[in-house]
């Protein structure tokens, strides 16, 4: 028997193929705890985990990271001065680089320069514990999901031309995770073009340039902080991807299904939002995390649409139609509600736990059989179903399902 405990209090039995929750229940905690099994939920958890990891790293190494930002724009000021004087940096810098007072010392080797002492960051973290903090789920008798901490390696390179106006300047990073510890190594690499006059320049002349441009460098470093932050978080996502994928697969193995499909109430709003011009940021501001799962599922269902469940619903050019009319132009909330269910179901790729809220939404009794037809098809394909309803008719429709009742107004 597979019982899961969410937030340390709510208990759900996920063994039964069909369950009906009748009355005053709130299944949001279950949806959120299993959202790692949804494609967009997985990405959200990965992003949150990466942000947490980066926050801890940056908090402990804020001064070093700030100096890294500074030195990028100091290099930009130096190269700009050499270009202005038409001096070949490949000739002029090799002998004086060590005497230039950049925020982090630079060294020359084999026709390129880099940081004399690359930035090395080390931080202890238990990735299993961090994921479990976000998911808040444990399996009765087995506890929280945990996977072996294999070595994870990652290397990345970012072209800094857009930020610095210096062609060939790049940031190289190496990440390594093992035994609960993250190690990060960051370096700057620049191979200057062999262009300009082979003239010498004093290190003090360039140090004077750095003093004059200090305010400009400081402002640019501050303004680019968000850009570097996003880049570093993206690298963290790459680093934790193999570990998180292994965690997700272990959870799916224990539960007996690989996906979660959440079909919320208020489906006409959800469909209108997906069909509208709202961008992802606006959708994130207007809708809960679980409703965002549904909106993304509608998008996926449109891209893989194959079964209209005997309703005249079609997808043309990325838009949803009912008969010959674009569905958002219709006043019928009933049609939109049914269409949302159908579109979400079309997004399924593997065996899933399907959670449907208020399947009776805007439907007369004679049309509720359409929901029964969809659910029966899903069950025949090996999916598990949880229905949350306020309509006793569904207790009659699914007599073989496990029923939970809560008729006390809360």
Protein backbone atom coordinates (compact mmCIF):
# COMPACT_ATOMS: atom_id res chain seq x y z
CA UNK A 1 0.00 0.00 0.00
CA UNK A 2 1.33 3.44 -0.97
CA UNK A 3 0.35 6.11 1.53
CA UNK A 4 1.93 9.53 1.23
CA UNK A 5 2.05 12.17 3.94
CA UNK A 6 2.14 15.80 2.84
CA UNK A 7 3.36 18.64 5.05
CA UNK A 8 3.66 16.16 7.89
CA UNK A 9 -0.12 15.97 8.38
CA UNK A 10 -2.32 15.19 5.31
CA UNK A 11 -2.38 11.50 4.41
CA UNK A 12 -3.37 10.11 0.98
CA UNK A 13 -3.67 6.53 -0.21
CA UNK A 14 -2.43 6.39 -3.81
CA UNK A 15 -2.95 2.66 -4.30
CA UNK A 16 -6.55 2.83 -5.55
CA UNK A 17 -7.07 3.39 -9.26
CA UNK A 18 -10.09 5.60 -8.62
CA UNK A 19 -10.94 7.80 -5.66
CA UNK A 20 -13.79 10.24 -5.08
CA UNK A 21 -13.49 13.07 -2.59
CA UNK A 22 -16.99 14.36 -1.92
CA UNK A 23 -17.48 17.59 -0.03
CA UNK A 24 -15.16 19.94 1.77
CA UNK A 25 -11.64 18.90 0.86
CA UNK A 26 -8.58 20.80 -0.30
CA UNK A 27 -6.19 18.76 -2.42
CA UNK A 28 -3.80 21.59 -3.21
CA UNK A 29 -1.14 20.24 -0.87
CA UNK A 30 -1.14 16.92 -2.74
CA UNK A 31 -0.93 18.66 -6.14
CA UNK A 32 1.95 20.85 -5.03
CA UNK A 33 3.90 18.02 -3.43
CA UNK A 34 3.69 15.93 -6.62
CA UNK A 35 4.30 18.80 -9.05
CA UNK A 36 7.83 17.53 -9.72
CA UNK A 37 6.11 14.88 -11.88
CA UNK A 38 4.71 17.61 -14.14
CA UNK A 39 7.02 19.11 -16.78
CA UNK A 40 6.46 22.75 -15.81
CA UNK A 41 6.34 21.88 -12.10
CA UNK A 42 9.68 20.12 -12.48
CA UNK A 43 11.23 23.22 -14.06
CA UNK A 44 9.85 25.43 -11.29
CA UNK A 45 11.32 23.20 -8.57
CA UNK A 46 14.64 23.03 -10.42
CA UNK A 47 14.73 26.83 -10.65
CA UNK A 48 13.85 27.28 -6.97
CA UNK A 49 16.50 24.76 -5.92
CA UNK A 50 19.10 26.50 -8.11
CA UNK A 51 18.18 29.90 -6.63
CA UNK A 52 18.54 28.54 -3.10
CA UNK A 53 21.92 27.06 -3.96
CA UNK A 54 23.15 30.27 -5.60
CA UNK A 55 21.84 32.41 -2.73
CA UNK A 56 23.86 30.44 -0.20
CA UNK A 57 26.97 30.58 -2.35
CA UNK A 58 26.68 34.30 -3.09
CA UNK A 59 25.94 35.18 0.55
CA UNK A 60 29.20 33.57 1.68
CA UNK A 61 31.29 34.93 -1.19
CA UNK A 62 29.67 38.29 -1.90
CA UNK A 63 32.93 40.29 -1.81
CA UNK A 64 34.72 37.93 -4.19
CA UNK A 65 31.81 37.93 -6.66
CA UNK A 66 31.62 41.72 -6.53
CA UNK A 67 35.33 41.94 -7.38
CA UNK A 68 34.72 39.60 -10.29
CA UNK A 69 32.07 41.95 -11.68
CA UNK A 70 34.43 44.91 -11.22
CA UNK A 71 37.37 43.33 -13.02
CA UNK A 72 35.25 42.65 -16.11
CA UNK A 73 34.57 46.36 -16.57
CA UNK A 74 38.12 47.28 -15.60
CA UNK A 75 39.33 45.10 -18.47
CA UNK A 76 36.83 46.89 -20.69
CA UNK A 77 38.26 50.30 -19.66
CA UNK A 78 41.83 49.12 -20.30
CA UNK A 79 41.08 47.72 -23.77
CA UNK A 80 39.09 50.84 -24.68
CA UNK A 81 42.10 53.04 -23.74
CA UNK A 82 44.49 50.90 -25.80
CA UNK A 83 42.14 51.01 -28.80
CA UNK A 84 41.90 54.79 -28.46
CA UNK A 85 45.71 55.01 -28.57
CA UNK A 86 45.85 52.41 -31.38
CA UNK A 87 48.14 50.21 -29.28
CA UNK A 88 48.24 46.45 -29.85
CA UNK A 89 47.08 44.89 -26.53
CA UNK A 90 48.71 41.55 -27.37
CA UNK A 91 52.07 43.36 -27.48
CA UNK A 92 51.62 45.95 -24.72
CA UNK A 93 49.97 43.97 -21.93
CA UNK A 94 52.09 40.84 -21.63
CA UNK A 95 54.91 42.49 -19.64
CA UNK A 96 52.91 44.90 -17.45
CA UNK A 97 49.72 42.98 -16.63
CA UNK A 98 50.91 42.00 -13.18
CA UNK A 99 51.42 45.67 -12.27
CA UNK A 100 47.94 46.84 -13.23
CA UNK A 101 45.75 47.40 -10.17
CA UNK A 102 42.58 45.57 -11.17
CA UNK A 103 40.20 44.33 -8.46
CA UNK A 104 41.49 40.83 -9.11
CA UNK A 105 45.04 40.33 -10.35
CA UNK A 106 45.51 39.18 -13.96
CA UNK A 107 48.24 36.99 -15.43
CA UNK A 108 49.52 36.45 -18.99
CA UNK A 109 50.25 33.06 -20.52
CA UNK A 110 50.43 31.71 -24.07
CA UNK A 111 49.01 34.79 -25.73
CA UNK A 112 46.03 35.26 -23.41
CA UNK A 113 45.34 36.53 -19.94
CA UNK A 114 43.19 35.17 -17.15
CA UNK A 115 42.72 35.65 -13.43
CA UNK A 116 45.96 35.06 -11.54
CA UNK A 117 43.94 33.34 -8.83
CA UNK A 118 40.62 32.02 -10.23
CA UNK A 119 37.68 32.42 -7.89
CA UNK A 120 37.07 29.18 -5.98
CA UNK A 121 33.88 28.71 -4.02
CA UNK A 122 32.99 25.77 -1.79
CA UNK A 123 29.70 25.12 -0.01
CA UNK A 124 28.28 22.13 1.87
CA UNK A 125 24.69 21.23 1.00
CA UNK A 126 22.46 18.14 1.19
CA UNK A 127 20.58 18.11 -2.11
CA UNK A 128 18.16 15.41 -0.90
CA UNK A 129 17.21 17.57 2.08
CA UNK A 130 16.84 20.69 -0.07
CA UNK A 131 14.50 18.94 -2.51
CA UNK A 132 12.43 17.47 0.32
CA UNK A 133 12.02 20.95 1.80
CA UNK A 134 10.37 22.06 -1.42
CA UNK A 135 8.28 18.93 -2.01
CA UNK A 136 7.19 18.28 1.60
CA UNK A 137 6.23 14.67 0.94
CA UNK A 138 7.15 11.37 2.51
CA UNK A 139 6.02 7.80 1.88
CA UNK A 140 4.57 6.01 4.88
CA UNK A 141 6.92 3.27 6.01
CA UNK A 142 9.75 4.52 3.78
CA UNK A 143 10.17 8.12 4.79
CA UNK A 144 11.38 10.87 2.48
CA UNK A 145 12.72 10.09 -0.96
CA UNK A 146 16.52 9.95 -1.08
CA UNK A 147 18.91 9.14 -3.90
CA UNK A 148 22.61 8.32 -3.90
CA UNK A 149 24.86 11.35 -4.20
CA UNK A 150 26.92 10.50 -7.26
CA UNK A 151 29.51 12.91 -8.59
CA UNK A 152 28.10 15.66 -10.78
CA UNK A 153 30.33 17.75 -13.02
CA UNK A 154 29.49 20.71 -15.20
CA UNK A 155 31.44 23.32 -17.17
CA UNK A 156 30.12 26.44 -18.87
CA UNK A 157 31.35 29.44 -20.80
CA UNK A 158 29.69 32.85 -21.18
CA UNK A 159 30.66 35.35 -23.86
CA UNK A 160 30.99 38.75 -22.16
CA UNK A 161 31.09 40.85 -25.34
CA UNK A 162 27.58 42.30 -24.91
CA UNK A 163 28.39 43.40 -21.38
CA UNK A 164 31.95 44.58 -21.82
CA UNK A 165 32.27 45.53 -25.53
CA UNK A 166 35.44 43.42 -25.50
CA UNK A 167 35.58 40.78 -28.21
CA UNK A 168 36.97 37.46 -26.99
CA UNK A 169 36.43 38.10 -23.28
CA UNK A 170 34.63 35.19 -21.65
CA UNK A 171 33.75 33.82 -18.23
CA UNK A 172 34.54 30.13 -17.73
CA UNK A 173 33.10 28.14 -14.85
CA UNK A 174 33.52 24.60 -13.55
CA UNK A 175 31.12 23.02 -11.06
CA UNK A 176 31.61 19.84 -9.12
CA UNK A 177 29.32 18.16 -6.58
CA UNK A 178 30.22 15.17 -4.41
CA UNK A 179 29.55 13.99 -0.87
CA UNK A 180 27.31 16.92 0.00
CA UNK A 181 29.70 19.63 -1.17
CA UNK A 182 29.54 21.99 -4.16
CA UNK A 183 32.82 23.32 -5.53
CA UNK A 184 32.83 26.13 -8.08
CA UNK A 185 35.78 27.53 -10.02
CA UNK A 186 35.35 30.74 -12.04
CA UNK A 187 37.93 32.30 -14.36
CA UNK A 188 38.08 35.03 -16.99
CA UNK A 189 39.79 34.38 -20.31
CA UNK A 190 40.80 36.93 -22.95
CA UNK A 191 42.93 36.45 -26.05
CA UNK A 192 43.41 39.95 -27.50
CA UNK A 193 43.46 40.50 -31.22
CA UNK A 194 46.89 41.18 -32.68
CA UNK A 195 45.84 44.61 -33.92
CA UNK A 196 47.31 48.12 -33.59
CA UNK A 197 50.82 49.49 -33.20
CA UNK A 198 53.40 47.47 -31.31
CA UNK A 199 54.03 50.20 -28.74
CA UNK A 200 54.67 49.98 -25.04
CA UNK A 201 52.55 51.68 -22.38
CA UNK A 202 53.30 52.20 -18.71
CA UNK A 203 51.28 50.27 -16.14
CA UNK A 204 50.78 53.54 -14.25
CA UNK A 205 49.06 55.09 -17.28
CA UNK A 206 46.50 52.29 -17.20
CA UNK A 207 46.16 52.51 -13.41
CA UNK A 208 45.32 56.19 -13.92
CA UNK A 209 42.61 55.13 -16.37
CA UNK A 210 41.20 52.76 -13.75
CA UNK A 211 41.07 55.55 -11.16
CA UNK A 212 39.30 57.89 -13.58
CA UNK A 213 36.76 55.27 -14.63
CA UNK A 214 36.16 53.83 -11.12
CA UNK A 215 32.70 55.38 -10.84
CA UNK A 216 31.69 54.10 -14.27
CA UNK A 217 32.99 50.62 -13.43
CA UNK A 218 31.05 50.59 -10.16
CA UNK A 219 27.78 51.61 -11.85
CA UNK A 220 28.15 49.02 -14.61
CA UNK A 221 28.98 46.28 -12.11
CA UNK A 222 25.86 47.10 -10.09
CA UNK A 223 23.64 47.26 -13.20
CA UNK A 224 24.90 43.90 -14.50
CA UNK A 225 24.42 42.07 -11.20
CA UNK A 226 21.02 40.69 -12.23
CA UNK A 227 22.43 39.44 -15.54
CA UNK A 228 25.23 37.54 -13.82
CA UNK A 229 22.81 36.26 -11.21
CA UNK A 230 20.57 34.73 -13.88
CA UNK A 231 23.61 33.21 -15.58
CA UNK A 232 24.87 31.67 -12.34
CA UNK A 233 21.43 30.31 -11.46
CA UNK A 234 21.24 28.80 -14.95
CA UNK A 235 24.55 27.06 -14.33
CA UNK A 236 23.25 25.79 -10.99
CA UNK A 237 20.24 24.34 -12.83
CA UNK A 238 22.58 22.49 -15.16
CA UNK A 239 24.53 21.19 -12.19
CA UNK A 240 21.56 19.80 -10.26
CA UNK A 241 19.65 18.49 -13.30
CA UNK A 242 21.06 14.90 -13.17
CA UNK A 243 20.44 14.67 -9.42
CA UNK A 244 16.89 16.05 -9.63
CA UNK A 245 16.06 13.74 -12.54
CA UNK A 246 17.20 10.76 -10.49
CA UNK A 247 15.09 11.96 -7.56
CA UNK A 248 12.01 12.32 -9.77
CA UNK A 249 12.47 8.83 -11.24
CA UNK A 250 12.83 7.32 -7.76
CA UNK A 251 9.62 9.06 -6.63
CA UNK A 252 7.77 7.82 -9.72
CA UNK A 253 9.00 4.27 -9.08
CA UNK A 254 7.75 4.32 -5.49
CA UNK A 255 4.35 5.82 -6.39
CA UNK A 256 3.69 3.70 -9.48
CA UNK A 257 3.04 6.55 -11.95
CA UNK A 258 5.30 8.94 -13.84
CA UNK A 259 3.14 12.04 -14.29
CA UNK A 260 0.63 14.15 -12.42
CA UNK A 261 -2.15 15.89 -14.33
CA UNK A 262 -4.06 18.54 -12.43
CA UNK A 263 -7.38 19.77 -13.86
CA UNK A 264 -8.63 22.61 -11.63
CA UNK A 265 -12.03 24.23 -11.26
CA UNK A 266 -12.63 27.55 -13.02
CA UNK A 267 -11.51 25.98 -16.27
CA UNK A 268 -13.07 28.64 -18.52
CA UNK A 269 -10.75 31.22 -16.89
CA UNK A 270 -7.75 28.91 -17.33
CA UNK A 271 -8.49 28.35 -21.02
CA UNK A 272 -9.07 32.07 -21.69
CA UNK A 273 -5.72 32.84 -20.01
CA UNK A 274 -3.84 30.32 -22.14
CA UNK A 275 -5.44 31.60 -25.34
CA UNK A 276 -4.81 35.24 -24.41
CA UNK A 277 -1.74 37.42 -25.02
CA UNK A 278 -0.62 37.14 -21.38
CA UNK A 279 3.09 36.38 -21.05
CA UNK A 280 4.56 33.92 -18.55
CA UNK A 281 5.38 36.64 -16.04
CA UNK A 282 1.82 37.98 -16.08
CA UNK A 283 0.39 34.47 -15.75
CA UNK A 284 2.67 33.85 -12.76
CA UNK A 285 1.33 36.99 -11.08
CA UNK A 286 -2.33 36.15 -11.71
CA UNK A 287 -2.51 32.39 -11.12
CA UNK A 288 -1.42 29.98 -8.40
CA UNK A 289 1.41 27.51 -9.02
CA UNK A 290 -1.05 24.66 -9.50
CA UNK A 291 -3.16 26.62 -12.02
CA UNK A 292 0.02 27.40 -13.93
CA UNK A 293 0.54 23.64 -14.25
CA UNK A 294 -2.88 23.43 -15.91
CA UNK A 295 -2.19 26.33 -18.27
CA UNK A 296 1.03 24.72 -19.41
CA UNK A 297 -0.78 21.40 -19.88
CA UNK A 298 -3.27 23.11 -22.19
CA UNK A 299 -0.35 24.35 -24.31
CA UNK A 300 1.11 20.85 -24.44
CA UNK A 301 -2.29 19.35 -25.24
CA UNK A 302 -2.71 21.72 -28.18
CA UNK A 303 0.67 20.65 -29.56
CA UNK A 304 -0.13 16.92 -29.30
CA UNK A 305 -3.89 17.01 -29.87
CA UNK A 306 -5.27 13.68 -31.11
CA UNK A 307 -8.52 12.82 -29.28
CA UNK A 308 -11.54 15.15 -29.02
CA UNK A 309 -13.64 12.57 -27.11
CA UNK A 310 -16.48 12.90 -29.65
CA UNK A 311 -16.82 16.66 -29.18
CA UNK A 312 -16.40 19.01 -32.20
CA UNK A 313 -13.17 20.45 -30.76
CA UNK A 314 -10.12 21.02 -32.94
CA UNK A 315 -6.81 22.87 -32.89
CA UNK A 316 -5.84 25.00 -35.89
CA UNK A 317 -2.74 27.17 -36.00
CA UNK A 318 -2.30 26.92 -32.24
CA UNK A 319 -5.88 28.10 -31.57
CA UNK A 320 -8.75 26.04 -30.17
CA UNK A 321 -12.02 25.84 -32.12
CA UNK A 322 -15.45 24.50 -31.25
CA UNK A 323 -17.12 23.59 -34.52
CA UNK A 324 -16.16 26.59 -36.71
CA UNK A 325 -15.79 29.19 -33.95
CA UNK A 326 -12.69 30.09 -31.98
CA UNK A 327 -13.49 28.88 -28.50
CA UNK A 328 -12.58 32.12 -26.71
CA UNK A 329 -15.28 33.91 -28.70
CA UNK A 330 -17.99 31.68 -27.21
CA UNK A 331 -20.00 32.69 -24.15
CA UNK A 332 -20.52 29.07 -23.08
CA UNK A 333 -18.57 28.26 -19.93
CA UNK A 334 -19.70 24.64 -20.23
CA UNK A 335 -17.94 24.11 -23.56
CA UNK A 336 -14.80 25.85 -22.36
CA UNK A 337 -14.74 23.75 -19.20
CA UNK A 338 -15.06 20.49 -21.16
CA UNK A 339 -12.52 21.64 -23.74
CA UNK A 340 -9.98 22.36 -21.00
CA UNK A 341 -10.31 18.82 -19.64
CA UNK A 342 -9.89 17.36 -23.12
CA UNK A 343 -6.87 19.52 -23.95
CA UNK A 344 -5.12 18.68 -20.69
CA UNK A 345 -5.75 14.97 -21.14
CA UNK A 346 -4.20 15.19 -24.61
CA UNK A 347 -0.94 16.31 -23.00
CA UNK A 348 -0.38 12.98 -21.21
CA UNK A 349 2.63 10.97 -22.34
CA UNK A 350 2.87 8.29 -19.66
CA UNK A 351 0.90 6.70 -16.82
CA UNK A 352 -0.34 9.43 -14.53
CA UNK A 353 -2.27 10.40 -11.46
CA UNK A 354 -5.08 12.59 -12.79
CA UNK A 355 -6.73 14.95 -10.29
CA UNK A 356 -9.99 16.53 -11.49
CA UNK A 357 -11.70 19.23 -9.45
CA UNK A 358 -15.42 19.92 -9.89
CA UNK A 359 -15.95 17.74 -12.98
CA UNK A 360 -19.63 18.77 -12.85
CA UNK A 361 -18.72 22.42 -13.47
CA UNK A 362 -21.45 24.14 -15.59
CA UNK A 363 -22.89 20.81 -16.77
CA UNK A 364 -26.45 19.51 -16.75
CA UNK A 365 -26.95 15.93 -15.55
CA UNK A 366 -27.40 14.64 -19.10
CA UNK A 367 -24.00 16.00 -20.12
CA UNK A 368 -22.06 14.66 -17.14
CA UNK A 369 -21.75 11.33 -18.96
CA UNK A 370 -19.09 13.04 -21.11
CA UNK A 371 -16.90 13.31 -18.01
CA UNK A 372 -17.58 9.66 -17.18
CA UNK A 373 -16.48 8.70 -20.71
CA UNK A 374 -13.20 10.62 -20.38
CA UNK A 375 -12.44 9.16 -16.94
CA UNK A 376 -13.19 5.60 -18.07
CA UNK A 377 -10.85 6.00 -21.05
CA UNK A 378 -8.11 7.28 -18.79
CA UNK A 379 -8.51 4.36 -16.39
CA UNK A 380 -8.41 1.82 -19.22
CA UNK A 381 -5.00 3.21 -20.15
CA UNK A 382 -3.69 2.52 -16.63
CA UNK A 383 -4.00 6.02 -15.17
CA UNK A 384 -5.09 6.64 -11.59
CA UNK A 385 -7.95 9.06 -10.96
CA UNK A 386 -8.83 11.34 -8.07
CA UNK A 387 -12.08 13.28 -8.43
CA UNK A 388 -13.02 16.07 -6.05
CA UNK A 389 -16.70 16.85 -6.38
CA UNK A 390 -19.66 18.52 -4.67
CA UNK A 391 -22.11 16.52 -6.79
CA UNK A 392 -23.50 13.24 -5.37
CA UNK A 393 -24.22 12.04 -8.91
CA UNK A 394 -20.55 11.21 -9.29
CA UNK A 395 -20.80 8.79 -6.38
CA UNK A 396 -23.38 6.93 -8.47
CA UNK A 397 -21.35 7.14 -11.67
CA UNK A 398 -18.27 5.62 -10.06
CA UNK A 399 -19.62 3.10 -7.56
CA UNK A 400 -16.44 1.03 -7.59
CA UNK A 401 -14.25 3.95 -6.57
CA UNK A 402 -12.93 4.55 -3.07
CA UNK A 403 -15.07 7.32 -1.58
CA UNK A 404 -14.09 9.91 1.03
CA UNK A 405 -16.74 12.25 2.43
CA UNK A 406 -16.56 15.46 4.36
CA UNK A 407 -19.97 17.13 4.59
CA UNK A 408 -19.09 19.45 7.45
CA UNK A 409 -18.92 23.07 6.34
CA UNK A 410 -15.37 24.33 6.97
